[in-house]
Amino acid sequence: MKLKIDRTYKKEKYTIGSLYVDGVFFCNTLEDTDRGLDESTTALEIADKKIAGQTAIPTGTYKVVLDIYSPKYGKRDYYKHFCGGYLPRLLNVKGFNGILIHRGVHQDHTEGCILVG
């Protein structure tokens, strides 16, 4: 399975995109501000440009796993019943940790994660 996010609206405080699963549109996404980071950006440059909880992850290709329980969301009723507390997590995102794909409706809910809705 291949997930792709096309970031289409890059605003001052948020980024809106479209999530595709194996090339088929699945849903809209909401992320923090795109600060122009990508896979070639050094860790030092990321640290310099990143604002914690307000910066979208670098554009790139990442492995996504479903085998890590979320200590933050796992006990919430919705996630507990829907997925047992296991949310999609991106691995090896330079300068970022614990990047999840989860539901949300406002830019304040992102904190570096990718929101779907």
Protein backbone atom coordinates (compact mmCIF):
# COMPACT_ATOMS: atom_id res chain seq x y z
CA MET A 1 0.00 0.00 0.00
CA LYS A 2 1.34 3.43 -0.94
CA LEU A 3 0.16 6.63 0.75
CA LYS A 4 0.80 9.99 -0.89
CA ILE A 5 -0.02 13.46 0.39
CA ASP A 6 -0.26 16.29 -2.09
CA ARG A 7 0.13 19.57 -0.18
CA THR A 8 -2.04 21.96 -2.15
CA TYR A 9 -2.66 24.98 0.09
CA LYS A 10 0.32 26.26 2.04
CA LYS A 11 -0.91 28.98 4.37
CA GLU A 12 0.86 30.96 7.10
CA LYS A 13 -0.40 28.79 9.97
CA TYR A 14 -1.38 25.50 8.32
CA THR A 15 -1.11 23.31 5.24
CA ILE A 16 -4.02 21.59 3.52
CA GLY A 17 -3.52 18.58 1.31
CA SER A 18 -5.06 15.48 -0.19
CA LEU A 19 -4.26 11.92 0.87
CA TYR A 20 -4.15 9.27 -1.84
CA VAL A 21 -4.05 5.53 -1.18
CA ASP A 22 -2.54 3.59 -4.08
CA GLY A 23 -3.24 6.58 -6.34
CA VAL A 24 -6.92 6.96 -5.35
CA PHE A 25 -8.10 10.02 -3.41
CA PHE A 26 -8.97 9.03 0.16
CA CYS A 27 -9.46 12.23 2.19
CA ASN A 28 -8.24 15.73 2.93
CA THR A 29 -5.34 16.40 5.29
CA LEU A 30 -4.31 19.20 7.62
CA GLU A 31 -0.73 19.78 8.74
CA ASP A 32 1.30 22.47 10.40
CA THR A 33 3.02 25.21 8.42
CA ASP A 34 5.17 23.99 5.52
CA ARG A 35 8.53 25.70 6.07
CA GLY A 36 10.13 24.32 2.90
CA LEU A 37 11.84 21.37 4.56
CA ASP A 38 12.58 18.25 2.53
CA GLU A 39 14.68 15.08 2.71
CA SER A 40 17.82 16.98 1.68
CA THR A 41 17.49 19.50 4.54
CA THR A 42 20.14 18.85 7.17
CA ALA A 43 19.22 18.12 10.78
CA LEU A 44 20.87 21.41 11.76
CA GLU A 45 18.78 23.37 9.23
CA ILE A 46 15.62 21.62 10.43
CA ALA A 47 16.42 22.50 14.05
CA ASP A 48 16.94 26.13 12.98
CA LYS A 49 13.65 26.42 11.02
CA LYS A 50 11.42 24.15 13.10
CA ILE A 51 8.93 25.62 15.54
CA ALA A 52 7.80 22.81 17.84
CA GLY A 53 4.17 21.87 17.26
CA GLN A 54 3.89 24.35 14.37
CA THR A 55 6.03 22.91 11.59
CA ALA A 56 5.06 20.31 8.99
CA ILE A 57 7.40 17.37 8.56
CA PRO A 58 9.92 17.54 5.70
CA THR A 59 8.56 16.55 2.32
CA GLY A 60 9.80 13.05 1.60
CA THR A 61 9.17 9.33 1.58
CA TYR A 62 8.64 7.56 4.89
CA LYS A 63 7.79 4.10 6.11
CA VAL A 64 4.43 3.95 7.92
CA VAL A 65 3.75 1.30 10.57
CA LEU A 66 0.64 0.27 12.49
CA ASP A 67 2.30 -1.74 15.24
CA ILE A 68 3.05 0.97 17.82
CA TYR A 69 0.47 1.75 20.49
CA SER A 70 -0.14 5.49 20.96
CA PRO A 71 0.26 6.46 24.61
CA LYS A 72 -1.44 9.80 23.86
CA TYR A 73 -4.47 8.55 21.91
CA GLY A 74 -4.66 4.83 22.69
CA LYS A 75 -6.90 5.20 25.73
CA ARG A 76 -9.34 7.59 24.10
CA ASP A 77 -12.64 5.83 23.42
CA TYR A 78 -12.70 6.50 19.65
CA TYR A 79 -9.22 5.10 19.03
CA LYS A 80 -9.58 2.37 21.62
CA HIS A 81 -12.66 0.96 19.84
CA PHE A 82 -11.67 1.81 16.27
CA CYS A 83 -8.08 0.61 16.14
CA GLY A 84 -7.17 -0.59 19.62
CA GLY A 85 -5.02 2.50 20.10
CA TYR A 86 -2.66 1.70 17.23
CA LEU A 87 -2.43 4.65 14.84
CA PRO A 88 -0.37 4.98 11.66
CA ARG A 89 3.10 6.26 12.64
CA LEU A 90 5.78 7.61 10.31
CA LEU A 91 9.29 6.35 10.95
CA ASN A 92 12.67 8.06 10.58
CA VAL A 93 11.41 11.60 10.01
CA LYS A 94 14.53 13.73 10.36
CA GLY A 95 14.14 16.22 13.21
CA PHE A 96 10.73 14.86 14.28
CA ASN A 97 9.50 12.06 16.56
CA GLY A 98 6.15 10.36 17.07
CA ILE A 99 4.52 11.60 13.87
CA LEU A 100 1.05 10.06 13.67
CA ILE A 101 -1.79 10.13 11.19
CA HIS A 102 -4.97 10.79 13.18
CA ARG A 103 -8.26 12.62 13.07
CA GLY A 104 -8.63 16.30 13.88
CA VAL A 105 -10.38 19.42 12.67
CA HIS A 106 -8.23 22.38 13.66
CA GLN A 107 -4.63 23.44 13.12
CA ASP A 108 -4.11 23.40 16.90
CA HIS A 109 -4.69 19.62 16.83
CA THR A 110 -1.73 18.86 14.55
CA GLU A 111 1.36 19.29 16.74
CA GLY A 112 3.47 17.97 13.85
CA CYS A 113 1.11 15.13 12.97
CA ILE A 114 -0.97 14.65 9.84
CA LEU A 115 -4.68 15.10 10.45
CA VAL A 116 -7.26 13.36 8.30
CA GLY A 117 -10.89 14.23 7.96
